[in-house]
Amino acid sequence: MITRTEFDDLTALEKAYALFEEGDELDTRQEGDFRIKLYLVSDFFVELWVGSNNAHDSKLLSLSEDEVLRIYDERIDISPAF
């Protein structure tokens, strides 16, 4: 089980591997040119941002519970995750 701090210290390739090995997809949203998928990894959240025009614009961002609640508001119920 990986922690958020450990995840943040990984390279981009290692983060992608950890996400797809340990992550559970919770939601998908669109923001501008990005398709954003929210995952639960261990006990923290990760967003996978993929540019619709260029896959090289992809990024992985870890989020706190507060950030997820603010961004996803009433779209999803994260209480079963804890």
PDB file of N, CA and C in Angstrom:
ATOM      1  N   MET A   1       0.848  -1.174   0.000  1.00  0.00           N
ATOM      2  CA  MET A   1       0.000   0.000   0.000  1.00  0.00           C
ATOM      3  C   MET A   1       0.898   1.243   0.000  1.00  0.00           C
ATOM      4  N   ILE A   2       0.661   2.110  -0.951  1.00  0.00           N
ATOM      5  CA  ILE A   2       1.484   3.298  -1.118  1.00  0.00           C
ATOM      6  C   ILE A   2       0.818   4.499  -0.429  1.00  0.00           C
ATOM      7  N   THR A   3       1.631   5.382   0.113  1.00  0.00           N
ATOM      8  CA  THR A   3       1.101   6.595   0.733  1.00  0.00           C
ATOM      9  C   THR A   3       1.116   7.733  -0.296  1.00  0.00           C
ATOM     10  N   ARG A   4       0.401   8.796   0.021  1.00  0.00           N
ATOM     11  CA  ARG A   4       0.379   9.955  -0.881  1.00  0.00           C
ATOM     12  C   ARG A   4       1.780  10.554  -1.021  1.00  0.00           C
ATOM     13  N   THR A   5       2.521  10.651   0.070  1.00  0.00           N
ATOM     14  CA  THR A   5       3.877  11.201   0.022  1.00  0.00           C
ATOM     15  C   THR A   5       4.774  10.342  -0.858  1.00  0.00           C
ATOM     16  N   GLU A   6       4.692   9.029  -0.708  1.00  0.00           N
ATOM     17  CA  GLU A   6       5.488   8.125  -1.541  1.00  0.00           C
ATOM     18  C   GLU A   6       5.102   8.287  -3.015  1.00  0.00           C
ATOM     19  N   PHE A   7       3.798   8.373  -3.275  1.00  0.00           N
ATOM     20  CA  PHE A   7       3.317   8.551  -4.646  1.00  0.00           C
ATOM     21  C   PHE A   7       3.879   9.837  -5.256  1.00  0.00           C
ATOM     22  N   ASP A   8       3.821  10.923  -4.504  1.00  0.00           N
ATOM     23  CA  ASP A   8       4.300  12.212  -5.008  1.00  0.00           C
ATOM     24  C   ASP A   8       5.794  12.203  -5.324  1.00  0.00           C
ATOM     25  N   ASP A   9       6.544  11.328  -4.670  1.00  0.00           N
ATOM     26  CA  ASP A   9       7.991  11.247  -4.887  1.00  0.00           C
ATOM     27  C   ASP A   9       8.378  10.362  -6.080  1.00  0.00           C
ATOM     28  N   LEU A  10       7.405   9.679  -6.687  1.00  0.00           N
ATOM     29  CA  LEU A  10       7.692   8.786  -7.807  1.00  0.00           C
ATOM     30  C   LEU A  10       7.877   9.561  -9.106  1.00  0.00           C
ATOM     31  N   THR A  11       8.527   8.916 -10.063  1.00  0.00           N
ATOM     32  CA  THR A  11       8.612   9.490 -11.405  1.00  0.00           C
ATOM     33  C   THR A  11       7.240   9.374 -12.071  1.00  0.00           C
ATOM     34  N   ALA A  12       7.048  10.056 -13.177  1.00  0.00           N
ATOM     35  CA  ALA A  12       5.767  10.002 -13.895  1.00  0.00           C
ATOM     36  C   ALA A  12       5.410   8.570 -14.297  1.00  0.00           C
ATOM     37  N   LEU A  13       6.386   7.817 -14.774  1.00  0.00           N
ATOM     38  CA  LEU A  13       6.142   6.433 -15.176  1.00  0.00           C
ATOM     39  C   LEU A  13       5.772   5.568 -13.971  1.00  0.00           C
ATOM     40  N   GLU A  14       6.461   5.753 -12.856  1.00  0.00           N
ATOM     41  CA  GLU A  14       6.155   4.996 -11.635  1.00  0.00           C
ATOM     42  C   GLU A  14       4.772   5.357 -11.092  1.00  0.00           C
ATOM     43  N   LYS A  15       4.399   6.634 -11.192  1.00  0.00           N
ATOM     44  CA  LYS A  15       3.063   7.056 -10.761  1.00  0.00           C
ATOM     45  C   LYS A  15       1.997   6.371 -11.602  1.00  0.00           C
ATOM     46  N   ALA A  16       2.200   6.325 -12.912  1.00  0.00           N
ATOM     47  CA  ALA A  16       1.230   5.674 -13.799  1.00  0.00           C
ATOM     48  C   ALA A  16       1.099   4.193 -13.448  1.00  0.00           C
ATOM     49  N   TYR A  17       2.202   3.532 -13.207  1.00  0.00           N
ATOM     50  CA  TYR A  17       2.171   2.120 -12.831  1.00  0.00           C
ATOM     51  C   TYR A  17       1.409   1.938 -11.517  1.00  0.00           C
ATOM     52  N   ALA A  18       1.710   2.753 -10.518  1.00  0.00           N
ATOM     53  CA  ALA A  18       1.030   2.646  -9.220  1.00  0.00           C
ATOM     54  C   ALA A  18      -0.467   2.904  -9.372  1.00  0.00           C
ATOM     55  N   LEU A  19      -0.821   3.888 -10.187  1.00  0.00           N
ATOM     56  CA  LEU A  19      -2.227   4.213 -10.402  1.00  0.00           C
ATOM     57  C   LEU A  19      -2.984   3.035 -10.998  1.00  0.00           C
ATOM     58  N   PHE A  20      -2.427   2.439 -12.030  1.00  0.00           N
ATOM     59  CA  PHE A  20      -3.134   1.356 -12.704  1.00  0.00           C
ATOM     60  C   PHE A  20      -3.063   0.038 -11.943  1.00  0.00           C
ATOM     61  N   GLU A  21      -2.089  -0.120 -11.067  1.00  0.00           N
ATOM     62  CA  GLU A  21      -2.002  -1.327 -10.232  1.00  0.00           C
ATOM     63  C   GLU A  21      -2.903  -1.239  -9.004  1.00  0.00           C
ATOM     64  N   GLU A  22      -2.969  -0.059  -8.380  1.00  0.00           N
ATOM     65  CA  GLU A  22      -3.650   0.073  -7.095  1.00  0.00           C
ATOM     66  C   GLU A  22      -4.892   0.964  -7.126  1.00  0.00           C
ATOM     67  N   GLY A  23      -5.127   1.671  -8.223  1.00  0.00           N
ATOM     68  CA  GLY A  23      -6.211   2.653  -8.269  1.00  0.00           C
ATOM     69  C   GLY A  23      -7.545   2.085  -8.697  1.00  0.00           C
ATOM     70  N   ASP A  24      -8.597   2.655  -8.137  1.00  0.00           N
ATOM     71  CA  ASP A  24      -9.968   2.343  -8.531  1.00  0.00           C
ATOM     72  C   ASP A  24     -10.590   3.621  -9.086  1.00  0.00           C
ATOM     73  N   GLU A  25     -11.072   3.562 -10.331  1.00  0.00           N
ATOM     74  CA  GLU A  25     -11.660   4.746 -10.965  1.00  0.00           C
ATOM     75  C   GLU A  25     -12.990   5.089 -10.314  1.00  0.00           C
ATOM     76  N   LEU A  26     -13.161   6.366  -9.971  1.00  0.00           N
ATOM     77  CA  LEU A  26     -14.375   6.829  -9.303  1.00  0.00           C
ATOM     78  C   LEU A  26     -15.257   7.706 -10.181  1.00  0.00           C
ATOM     79  N   ASP A  27     -14.649   8.541 -11.016  1.00  0.00           N
ATOM     80  CA  ASP A  27     -15.438   9.493 -11.791  1.00  0.00           C
ATOM     81  C   ASP A  27     -14.600  10.027 -12.945  1.00  0.00           C
ATOM     82  N   THR A  28     -15.293  10.588 -13.926  1.00  0.00           N
ATOM     83  CA  THR A  28     -14.639  11.250 -15.055  1.00  0.00           C
ATOM     84  C   THR A  28     -15.338  12.579 -15.287  1.00  0.00           C
ATOM     85  N   ARG A  29     -14.531  13.599 -15.572  1.00  0.00           N
ATOM     86  CA  ARG A  29     -15.096  14.910 -15.876  1.00  0.00           C
ATOM     87  C   ARG A  29     -14.272  15.549 -16.981  1.00  0.00           C
ATOM     88  N   GLN A  30     -14.810  16.591 -17.577  1.00  0.00           N
ATOM     89  CA  GLN A  30     -14.137  17.327 -18.639  1.00  0.00           C
ATOM     90  C   GLN A  30     -13.863  18.744 -18.151  1.00  0.00           C
ATOM     91  N   GLU A  31     -12.663  19.228 -18.390  1.00  0.00           N
ATOM     92  CA  GLU A  31     -12.319  20.621 -18.072  1.00  0.00           C
ATOM     93  C   GLU A  31     -11.465  21.160 -19.208  1.00  0.00           C
ATOM     94  N   GLY A  32     -12.039  22.064 -19.969  1.00  0.00           N
ATOM     95  CA  GLY A  32     -11.328  22.592 -21.128  1.00  0.00           C
ATOM     96  C   GLY A  32     -10.979  21.477 -22.086  1.00  0.00           C
ATOM     97  N   ASP A  33      -9.712  21.398 -22.465  1.00  0.00           N
ATOM     98  CA  ASP A  33      -9.245  20.360 -23.386  1.00  0.00           C
ATOM     99  C   ASP A  33      -8.811  19.088 -22.676  1.00  0.00           C
ATOM    100  N   PHE A  34      -9.110  18.977 -21.388  1.00  0.00           N
ATOM    101  CA  PHE A  34      -8.658  17.820 -20.621  1.00  0.00           C
ATOM    102  C   PHE A  34      -9.825  16.924 -20.199  1.00  0.00           C
ATOM    103  N   ARG A  35      -9.621  15.633 -20.345  1.00  0.00           N
ATOM    104  CA  ARG A  35     -10.503  14.626 -19.764  1.00  0.00           C
ATOM    105  C   ARG A  35      -9.816  14.198 -18.470  1.00  0.00           C
ATOM    106  N   ILE A  36     -10.528  14.293 -17.341  1.00  0.00           N
ATOM    107  CA  ILE A  36      -9.929  14.065 -16.030  1.00  0.00           C
ATOM    108  C   ILE A  36     -10.619  12.887 -15.358  1.00  0.00           C
ATOM    109  N   LYS A  37      -9.830  11.890 -14.998  1.00  0.00           N
ATOM    110  CA  LYS A  37     -10.359  10.719 -14.304  1.00  0.00           C
ATOM    111  C   LYS A  37      -9.884  10.752 -12.861  1.00  0.00           C
ATOM    112  N   LEU A  38     -10.818  10.555 -11.939  1.00  0.00           N
ATOM    113  CA  LEU A  38     -10.507  10.524 -10.515  1.00  0.00           C
ATOM    114  C   LEU A  38     -10.375   9.078 -10.063  1.00  0.00           C
ATOM    115  N   TYR A  39      -9.297   8.792  -9.339  1.00  0.00           N
ATOM    116  CA  TYR A  39      -9.034   7.454  -8.813  1.00  0.00           C
ATOM    117  C   TYR A  39      -8.824   7.516  -7.303  1.00  0.00           C
ATOM    118  N   LEU A  40      -9.169   6.441  -6.637  1.00  0.00           N
ATOM    119  CA  LEU A  40      -8.796   6.237  -5.236  1.00  0.00           C
ATOM    120  C   LEU A  40      -7.628   5.266  -5.243  1.00  0.00           C
ATOM    121  N   VAL A  41      -6.514   5.679  -4.653  1.00  0.00           N
ATOM    122  CA  VAL A  41      -5.315   4.848  -4.551  1.00  0.00           C
ATOM    123  C   VAL A  41      -4.996   4.733  -3.070  1.00  0.00           C
ATOM    124  N   SER A  42      -5.078   3.538  -2.531  1.00  0.00           N
ATOM    125  CA  SER A  42      -4.883   3.327  -1.093  1.00  0.00           C
ATOM    126  C   SER A  42      -5.856   4.222  -0.332  1.00  0.00           C
ATOM    127  N   ASP A  43      -5.353   5.270   0.335  1.00  0.00           N
ATOM    128  CA  ASP A  43      -6.234   6.148   1.112  1.00  0.00           C
ATOM    129  C   ASP A  43      -6.135   7.606   0.664  1.00  0.00           C
ATOM    130  N   PHE A  44      -5.805   7.821  -0.609  1.00  0.00           N
ATOM    131  CA  PHE A  44      -5.744   9.170  -1.164  1.00  0.00           C
ATOM    132  C   PHE A  44      -6.268   9.127  -2.600  1.00  0.00           C
ATOM    133  N   PHE A  45      -6.446  10.304  -3.171  1.00  0.00           N
ATOM    134  CA  PHE A  45      -7.039  10.422  -4.498  1.00  0.00           C
ATOM    135  C   PHE A  45      -6.018  10.923  -5.503  1.00  0.00           C
ATOM    136  N   VAL A  46      -6.190  10.482  -6.746  1.00  0.00           N
ATOM    137  CA  VAL A  46      -5.317  10.904  -7.842  1.00  0.00           C
ATOM    138  C   VAL A  46      -6.192  11.247  -9.040  1.00  0.00           C
ATOM    139  N   GLU A  47      -5.865  12.378  -9.670  1.00  0.00           N
ATOM    140  CA  GLU A  47      -6.504  12.719 -10.926  1.00  0.00           C
ATOM    141  C   GLU A  47      -5.524  12.455 -12.061  1.00  0.00           C
ATOM    142  N   LEU A  48      -6.029  11.811 -13.105  1.00  0.00           N
ATOM    143  CA  LEU A  48      -5.292  11.609 -14.340  1.00  0.00           C
ATOM    144  C   LEU A  48      -5.856  12.591 -15.359  1.00  0.00           C
ATOM    145  N   TRP A  49      -5.049  13.560 -15.759  1.00  0.00           N
ATOM    146  CA  TRP A  49      -5.437  14.576 -16.744  1.00  0.00           C
ATOM    147  C   TRP A  49      -4.860  14.158 -18.091  1.00  0.00           C
ATOM    148  N   VAL A  50      -5.726  14.023 -19.094  1.00  0.00           N
ATOM    149  CA  VAL A  50      -5.281  13.658 -20.440  1.00  0.00           C
ATOM    150  C   VAL A  50      -5.790  14.705 -21.417  1.00  0.00           C
ATOM    151  N   GLY A  51      -4.874  15.331 -22.123  1.00  0.00           N
ATOM    152  CA  GLY A  51      -5.243  16.341 -23.107  1.00  0.00           C
ATOM    153  C   GLY A  51      -5.937  15.713 -24.293  1.00  0.00           C
ATOM    154  N   SER A  52      -7.054  16.295 -24.701  1.00  0.00           N
ATOM    155  CA  SER A  52      -7.807  15.730 -25.819  1.00  0.00           C
ATOM    156  C   SER A  52      -7.094  15.943 -27.146  1.00  0.00           C
ATOM    157  N   ASN A  53      -6.246  16.945 -27.226  1.00  0.00           N
ATOM    158  CA  ASN A  53      -5.517  17.214 -28.471  1.00  0.00           C
ATOM    159  C   ASN A  53      -4.143  16.564 -28.503  1.00  0.00           C
ATOM    160  N   ASN A  54      -3.618  16.225 -27.311  1.00  0.00           N
ATOM    161  CA  ASN A  54      -2.255  15.703 -27.270  1.00  0.00           C
ATOM    162  C   ASN A  54      -2.066  14.877 -25.995  1.00  0.00           C
ATOM    163  N   ALA A  55      -1.879  13.589 -26.153  1.00  0.00           N
ATOM    164  CA  ALA A  55      -1.694  12.707 -24.991  1.00  0.00           C
ATOM    165  C   ALA A  55      -0.427  13.059 -24.209  1.00  0.00           C
ATOM    166  N   HIS A  56       0.481  13.767 -24.827  1.00  0.00           N
ATOM    167  CA  HIS A  56       1.716  14.171 -24.135  1.00  0.00           C
ATOM    168  C   HIS A  56       1.449  15.246 -23.086  1.00  0.00           C
ATOM    169  N   ASP A  57       0.259  15.800 -23.101  1.00  0.00           N
ATOM    170  CA  ASP A  57      -0.128  16.797 -22.099  1.00  0.00           C
ATOM    171  C   ASP A  57      -0.660  16.140 -20.824  1.00  0.00           C
ATOM    172  N   SER A  58      -0.528  14.838 -20.697  1.00  0.00           N
ATOM    173  CA  SER A  58      -1.053  14.108 -19.540  1.00  0.00           C
ATOM    174  C   SER A  58      -0.277  14.443 -18.278  1.00  0.00           C
ATOM    175  N   LYS A  59      -1.009  14.401 -17.146  1.00  0.00           N
ATOM    176  CA  LYS A  59      -0.356  14.584 -15.853  1.00  0.00           C
ATOM    177  C   LYS A  59      -1.154  13.853 -14.780  1.00  0.00           C
ATOM    178  N   LEU A  60      -0.485  13.508 -13.705  1.00  0.00           N
ATOM    179  CA  LEU A  60      -1.094  12.845 -12.552  1.00  0.00           C
ATOM    180  C   LEU A  60      -0.919  13.733 -11.335  1.00  0.00           C
ATOM    181  N   LEU A  61      -2.026  14.025 -10.656  1.00  0.00           N
ATOM    182  CA  LEU A  61      -1.994  14.892  -9.481  1.00  0.00           C
ATOM    183  C   LEU A  61      -2.664  14.202  -8.304  1.00  0.00           C
ATOM    184  N   SER A  62      -1.984  14.141  -7.179  1.00  0.00           N
ATOM    185  CA  SER A  62      -2.618  13.603  -5.976  1.00  0.00           C
ATOM    186  C   SER A  62      -3.424  14.715  -5.316  1.00  0.00           C
ATOM    187  N   LEU A  63      -4.547  14.327  -4.702  1.00  0.00           N
ATOM    188  CA  LEU A  63      -5.453  15.288  -4.081  1.00  0.00           C
ATOM    189  C   LEU A  63      -5.797  14.855  -2.669  1.00  0.00           C
ATOM    190  N   SER A  64      -6.066  15.836  -1.823  1.00  0.00           N
ATOM    191  CA  SER A  64      -6.551  15.546  -0.482  1.00  0.00           C
ATOM    192  C   SER A  64      -8.064  15.308  -0.540  1.00  0.00           C
ATOM    193  N   GLU A  65      -8.594  14.785   0.531  1.00  0.00           N
ATOM    194  CA  GLU A  65     -10.041  14.570   0.627  1.00  0.00           C
ATOM    195  C   GLU A  65     -10.786  15.901   0.481  1.00  0.00           C
ATOM    196  N   ASP A  66     -10.281  16.963   1.100  1.00  0.00           N
ATOM    197  CA  ASP A  66     -10.912  18.280   1.013  1.00  0.00           C
ATOM    198  C   ASP A  66     -10.946  18.798  -0.424  1.00  0.00           C
ATOM    199  N   GLU A  67      -9.847  18.593  -1.153  1.00  0.00           N
ATOM    200  CA  GLU A  67      -9.802  19.026  -2.542  1.00  0.00           C
ATOM    201  C   GLU A  67     -10.833  18.277  -3.384  1.00  0.00           C
ATOM    202  N   VAL A  68     -10.954  16.977  -3.148  1.00  0.00           N
ATOM    203  CA  VAL A  68     -11.927  16.165  -3.891  1.00  0.00           C
ATOM    204  C   VAL A  68     -13.341  16.626  -3.579  1.00  0.00           C
ATOM    205  N   LEU A  69     -13.622  16.867  -2.312  1.00  0.00           N
ATOM    206  CA  LEU A  69     -14.959  17.332  -1.936  1.00  0.00           C
ATOM    207  C   LEU A  69     -15.285  18.669  -2.594  1.00  0.00           C
ATOM    208  N   ARG A  70     -14.310  19.568  -2.670  1.00  0.00           N
ATOM    209  CA  ARG A  70     -14.527  20.877  -3.279  1.00  0.00           C
ATOM    210  C   ARG A  70     -14.739  20.756  -4.790  1.00  0.00           C
ATOM    211  N   ILE A  71     -13.914  19.956  -5.448  1.00  0.00           N
ATOM    212  CA  ILE A  71     -13.973  19.842  -6.907  1.00  0.00           C
ATOM    213  C   ILE A  71     -15.186  19.038  -7.371  1.00  0.00           C
ATOM    214  N   TYR A  72     -15.421  17.914  -6.713  1.00  0.00           N
ATOM    215  CA  TYR A  72     -16.448  16.989  -7.193  1.00  0.00           C
ATOM    216  C   TYR A  72     -17.788  17.204  -6.504  1.00  0.00           C
ATOM    217  N   ASP A  73     -17.810  18.036  -5.472  1.00  0.00           N
ATOM    218  CA  ASP A  73     -19.019  18.470  -4.792  1.00  0.00           C
ATOM    219  C   ASP A  73     -20.021  17.328  -4.641  1.00  0.00           C
ATOM    220  N   GLU A  74     -21.121  17.404  -5.329  1.00  0.00           N
ATOM    221  CA  GLU A  74     -22.175  16.397  -5.176  1.00  0.00           C
ATOM    222  C   GLU A  74     -22.160  15.353  -6.287  1.00  0.00           C
ATOM    223  N   ARG A  75     -21.144  15.354  -7.119  1.00  0.00           N
ATOM    224  CA  ARG A  75     -21.072  14.390  -8.219  1.00  0.00           C
ATOM    225  C   ARG A  75     -20.894  12.971  -7.718  1.00  0.00           C
ATOM    226  N   ILE A  76     -20.088  12.820  -6.643  1.00  0.00           N
ATOM    227  CA  ILE A  76     -19.819  11.477  -6.138  1.00  0.00           C
ATOM    228  C   ILE A  76     -19.849  11.484  -4.625  1.00  0.00           C
ATOM    229  N   ASP A  77     -20.068  10.313  -4.053  1.00  0.00           N
ATOM    230  CA  ASP A  77     -20.036  10.120  -2.602  1.00  0.00           C
ATOM    231  C   ASP A  77     -18.767   9.356  -2.271  1.00  0.00           C
ATOM    232  N   ILE A  78     -17.795  10.031  -1.622  1.00  0.00           N
ATOM    233  CA  ILE A  78     -16.518   9.381  -1.317  1.00  0.00           C
ATOM    234  C   ILE A  78     -16.511   8.735   0.069  1.00  0.00           C
ATOM    235  N   SER A  79     -17.612   8.839   0.813  1.00  0.00           N
ATOM    236  CA  SER A  79     -17.620   8.309   2.177  1.00  0.00           C
ATOM    237  C   SER A  79     -17.319   6.817   2.269  1.00  0.00           C
ATOM    238  N   PRO A  80     -17.724   5.968   1.296  1.00  0.00           N
ATOM    239  CA  PRO A  80     -17.373   4.548   1.398  1.00  0.00           C
ATOM    240  C   PRO A  80     -15.866   4.286   1.309  1.00  0.00           C
ATOM    241  N   ALA A  81     -15.111   5.273   0.837  1.00  0.00           N
ATOM    242  CA  ALA A  81     -13.662   5.100   0.713  1.00  0.00           C
ATOM    243  C   ALA A  81     -12.950   5.157   2.047  1.00  0.00           C
ATOM    244  N   PHE A  82     -13.648   5.641   3.089  1.00  0.00           N
ATOM    245  CA  PHE A  82     -13.000   5.816   4.375  1.00  0.00           C
ATOM    246  C   PHE A  82     -13.730   5.112   5.478  1.00  0.00           C
TER     247      PHE A  82
END
